Amino acid sequence: MDNNLDNLWITGQAGKDKGFWIMHVEIRGAEKLSFRERQVVTLKEMGRSSEEVAAALGLTTGTVATLYHRAKTKGYQVVIVIPGDALGLFGGEEEEQ
């Protein structure tokens, strides 16, 4: 695995009760982060709790908190790309109120 990435793209699925859609998450500035920091940031930015991240990576919640804090101080940006149809922009879905 290349640990010198400028940007890290993650593709996952998210959705509502009507089905799933693809969401892309880009972490800009990933080259500043260690491998473990990238793992923690990826899972945290996808909405996982510290407990879930710790269990997935075999770490303590304290270590997850430390890695996440350290990554935040190094400066990175998260860009989430959601398709327009998932937001009801290109289809027949009615707007939620």
Protein backbone atom coordinates (compact mmCIF):
# COMPACT_ATOMS: atom_id res chain seq x y z
CA MET A 1 0.00 0.00 0.00
CA ASP A 2 1.27 3.46 -0.87
CA ASN A 3 1.59 5.48 2.33
CA ASN A 4 2.46 8.70 0.44
CA LEU A 5 -0.94 9.58 -0.98
CA ASP A 6 -1.90 13.21 -1.42
CA ASN A 7 -5.58 12.35 -1.30
CA LEU A 8 -7.32 9.25 -0.05
CA TRP A 9 -10.60 8.20 -1.67
CA ILE A 10 -13.04 5.93 0.12
CA THR A 11 -16.14 4.59 -1.55
CA GLY A 12 -18.97 3.34 0.58
CA GLN A 13 -22.67 2.88 0.51
CA ALA A 14 -25.16 4.95 2.37
CA GLY A 15 -28.84 5.30 1.94
CA LYS A 16 -32.32 5.49 3.20
CA ASP A 17 -35.15 3.02 3.30
CA LYS A 18 -35.64 3.45 -0.46
CA GLY A 19 -32.30 1.89 -1.29
CA PHE A 20 -28.61 2.58 -1.39
CA TRP A 21 -26.42 5.02 -3.26
CA ILE A 22 -22.68 5.40 -3.56
CA MET A 23 -20.89 8.08 -1.58
CA HIS A 24 -17.26 9.06 -2.15
CA VAL A 25 -15.21 10.47 0.70
CA GLU A 26 -11.94 12.20 -0.14
CA ILE A 27 -9.42 13.00 2.59
CA ARG A 28 -7.25 15.83 1.32
CA GLY A 29 -3.89 16.10 2.99
CA ALA A 30 -3.74 12.38 3.80
CA GLU A 31 0.00 12.44 3.12
CA LYS A 32 0.43 14.29 6.42
CA LEU A 33 -1.13 11.42 8.38
CA SER A 34 0.38 8.18 9.59
CA PHE A 35 -1.16 4.92 8.40
CA ARG A 36 -3.00 4.43 11.73
CA GLU A 37 -4.22 8.04 11.70
CA ARG A 38 -5.62 7.49 8.20
CA GLN A 39 -7.46 4.40 9.38
CA VAL A 40 -8.97 6.22 12.36
CA VAL A 41 -9.86 9.33 10.36
CA THR A 42 -11.51 7.27 7.64
CA LEU A 43 -13.74 5.39 10.05
CA LYS A 44 -14.53 8.43 12.20
CA GLU A 45 -15.39 10.60 9.19
CA MET A 46 -17.71 7.86 7.96
CA GLY A 47 -19.65 8.24 11.19
CA ARG A 48 -18.28 5.43 13.33
CA SER A 49 -18.06 5.95 17.09
CA SER A 50 -14.73 5.74 18.89
CA GLU A 51 -15.84 2.42 20.36
CA GLU A 52 -16.61 1.02 16.89
CA VAL A 53 -13.28 2.26 15.52
CA ALA A 54 -11.41 0.76 18.47
CA ALA A 55 -13.10 -2.62 18.00
CA ALA A 56 -12.49 -2.62 14.23
CA LEU A 57 -8.78 -1.78 14.58
CA GLY A 58 -8.00 -3.65 17.78
CA LEU A 59 -7.18 -0.47 19.71
CA THR A 60 -8.38 1.11 22.92
CA THR A 61 -10.79 4.04 22.76
CA GLY A 62 -8.06 6.19 24.33
CA THR A 63 -5.68 5.36 21.50
CA VAL A 64 -8.40 6.16 18.94
CA ALA A 65 -8.99 9.53 20.61
CA THR A 66 -5.26 10.28 20.61
CA LEU A 67 -4.81 9.32 16.96
CA TYR A 68 -7.88 11.31 15.89
CA HIS A 69 -6.75 14.39 17.83
CA ARG A 70 -3.22 14.13 16.42
CA ALA A 71 -4.60 13.83 12.88
CA LYS A 72 -6.79 16.90 13.37
CA THR A 73 -3.80 18.96 14.46
CA LYS A 74 -1.93 17.98 11.28
CA GLY A 75 -4.70 19.47 9.17
CA TYR A 76 -6.69 17.53 6.62
CA GLN A 77 -9.92 18.18 4.77
CA VAL A 78 -12.78 15.82 4.13
CA VAL A 79 -14.80 16.16 0.96
CA ILE A 80 -17.94 14.06 0.59
CA VAL A 81 -19.32 13.60 -2.91
CA ILE A 82 -22.96 12.51 -2.98
CA PRO A 83 -24.70 11.84 -6.31
CA GLY A 84 -27.48 14.29 -7.18
CA ASP A 85 -30.06 11.53 -7.55
CA ALA A 86 -29.46 10.54 -3.92
CA LEU A 87 -30.51 14.06 -2.97
CA GLY A 88 -33.56 13.93 -5.20
CA LEU A 89 -32.11 16.41 -7.69
CA PHE A 90 -32.53 14.36 -10.86
CA GLY A 91 -35.47 12.09 -10.20
CA GLY A 92 -39.08 11.91 -9.29
CA GLU A 93 -38.49 11.83 -5.54
CA GLU A 94 -40.52 14.39 -3.70
CA GLU A 95 -38.76 16.82 -1.43
CA GLU A 96 -38.93 15.97 2.26
CA GLN A 97 -40.19 18.69 4.58
